Amino acid sequence: MRKQKKIATLSLTKENLFKIFKQESRPLAFGDLQKVFTLYKQDKRSLRRFLRELIHEGAIVRLRNNRFGIPHEMNLETGTLWCTRSGNGFVIPDRESERDIFIPSKFIGHAFH
């Protein structure tokens, strides 16, 4: 029989949600977050709202497989994508100290904002 980790039940707040992402240090699915917070049906809306707010703030990102994570811990760069007429692009990072990142046209289809 497997032993499961005992996780203290946390109240659902944006701060606690962000702490969970920091603690796990891996992308988490919506279902994973539901299990951590042991949510009832009416609380699922609040979780979705907090996730949207954190994405809007840039604290977390949504990945293609409907998982969420902290961009800097997953070796991802956030910024603005600028495309040229030839189809190539540049990502201008949100952090000022970073240099622009060139994206060839054959990979631009996989880039997203």
Protein backbone atom coordinates (compact mmCIF):
# COMPACT_ATOMS: atom_id res chain seq x y z
CA MET A 1 0.00 0.00 0.00
CA ARG A 2 1.37 3.40 -1.01
CA LYS A 3 1.76 6.17 1.47
CA GLN A 4 0.45 9.50 0.29
CA LYS A 5 1.85 12.86 1.29
CA LYS A 6 -0.14 14.67 3.90
CA ILE A 7 -0.86 18.18 2.70
CA ALA A 8 -2.46 20.63 5.05
CA THR A 9 -5.66 21.98 3.63
CA LEU A 10 -5.17 25.53 2.45
CA SER A 11 -7.73 28.21 1.91
CA LEU A 12 -8.16 29.19 -1.72
CA THR A 13 -6.41 32.52 -2.27
CA LYS A 14 -4.17 33.81 -5.04
CA GLU A 15 -1.20 33.82 -2.68
CA ASN A 16 -1.73 30.19 -1.63
CA LEU A 17 -2.24 29.18 -5.24
CA PHE A 18 1.07 30.77 -6.23
CA LYS A 19 2.76 29.08 -3.23
CA ILE A 20 1.58 25.70 -4.51
CA PHE A 21 3.15 26.37 -7.92
CA LYS A 22 6.42 27.40 -6.23
CA GLN A 23 6.38 24.37 -3.96
CA GLU A 24 5.68 21.81 -6.71
CA SER A 25 8.10 23.42 -9.23
CA ARG A 26 6.39 21.65 -12.12
CA PRO A 27 3.37 22.38 -14.32
CA LEU A 28 0.07 21.48 -12.67
CA ALA A 29 -3.27 20.62 -14.22
CA PHE A 30 -6.60 21.98 -13.00
CA GLY A 31 -7.40 18.58 -11.49
CA ASP A 32 -4.14 18.58 -9.52
CA LEU A 33 -5.04 21.94 -8.03
CA GLN A 34 -8.54 20.71 -7.13
CA LYS A 35 -7.02 17.83 -5.17
CA VAL A 36 -4.62 20.10 -3.29
CA PHE A 37 -7.33 22.51 -2.22
CA THR A 38 -10.13 19.88 -1.86
CA LEU A 39 -12.64 22.12 -3.60
CA TYR A 40 -16.38 21.95 -3.74
CA LYS A 41 -18.32 22.71 -6.90
CA GLN A 42 -18.84 26.41 -6.16
CA ASP A 43 -15.12 26.87 -5.40
CA LYS A 44 -14.08 25.70 -8.88
CA ARG A 45 -15.18 29.07 -10.28
CA SER A 46 -12.95 30.88 -7.82
CA LEU A 47 -9.99 28.67 -8.78
CA ARG A 48 -10.56 29.42 -12.47
CA ARG A 49 -10.82 33.14 -11.72
CA PHE A 50 -7.59 33.13 -9.69
CA LEU A 51 -5.80 31.22 -12.46
CA ARG A 52 -6.98 33.79 -15.04
CA GLU A 53 -5.79 36.65 -12.84
CA LEU A 54 -2.36 35.07 -12.33
CA ILE A 55 -2.04 34.48 -16.09
CA HIS A 56 -3.03 38.08 -16.77
CA GLU A 57 -0.42 39.31 -14.27
CA GLY A 58 2.23 37.14 -15.93
CA ALA A 59 2.95 35.17 -12.75
CA ILE A 60 2.01 31.86 -14.41
CA VAL A 61 1.49 30.67 -17.97
CA ARG A 62 -0.94 28.21 -19.51
CA LEU A 63 0.71 25.49 -21.56
CA ARG A 64 -0.72 23.67 -24.55
CA ASN A 65 -1.64 20.58 -22.55
CA ASN A 66 -3.90 22.61 -20.21
CA ARG A 67 -1.33 22.73 -17.45
CA PHE A 68 -0.18 25.82 -15.62
CA GLY A 69 3.25 26.75 -14.33
CA ILE A 70 5.71 29.49 -13.45
CA PRO A 71 7.52 30.54 -16.65
CA HIS A 72 10.96 31.17 -15.13
CA GLU A 73 11.07 27.75 -13.47
CA MET A 74 10.24 26.00 -16.76
CA ASN A 75 12.94 27.76 -18.79
CA LEU A 76 10.34 29.78 -20.70
CA GLU A 77 10.65 33.40 -21.68
CA THR A 78 7.70 35.75 -21.65
CA GLY A 79 7.54 38.77 -23.89
CA THR A 80 6.07 40.29 -27.00
CA LEU A 81 6.27 38.49 -30.35
CA TRP A 82 7.08 40.69 -33.36
CA CYS A 83 6.90 39.17 -36.84
CA THR A 84 8.66 40.43 -39.94
CA ARG A 85 7.36 40.39 -43.50
CA SER A 86 9.57 37.40 -44.32
CA GLY A 87 7.84 35.33 -41.63
CA ASN A 88 10.64 35.39 -39.08
CA GLY A 89 9.98 36.74 -35.63
CA PHE A 90 11.56 38.21 -32.55
CA VAL A 91 10.50 37.86 -28.94
CA ILE A 92 11.17 41.01 -26.96
CA PRO A 93 11.44 39.77 -23.35
CA ASP A 94 9.51 41.41 -20.55
CA ARG A 95 12.71 41.59 -18.48
CA GLU A 96 14.79 44.54 -19.66
CA SER A 97 18.16 42.87 -19.06
CA GLU A 98 17.51 40.09 -21.60
CA ARG A 99 18.31 40.24 -25.31
CA ASP A 100 15.76 39.73 -28.10
CA ILE A 101 15.25 36.14 -29.21
CA PHE A 102 15.18 35.32 -32.93
CA ILE A 103 12.59 32.78 -34.11
CA PRO A 104 12.96 31.36 -37.64
CA SER A 105 9.86 31.27 -39.82
CA LYS A 106 9.66 27.47 -39.75
CA PHE A 107 9.10 27.59 -35.96
CA ILE A 108 6.81 30.61 -35.80
CA GLY A 109 3.72 28.39 -36.07
CA HIS A 110 4.53 26.97 -32.64
CA ALA A 111 5.00 30.34 -30.99
CA PHE A 112 2.18 31.81 -28.97
CA HIS A 113 1.58 34.96 -26.96
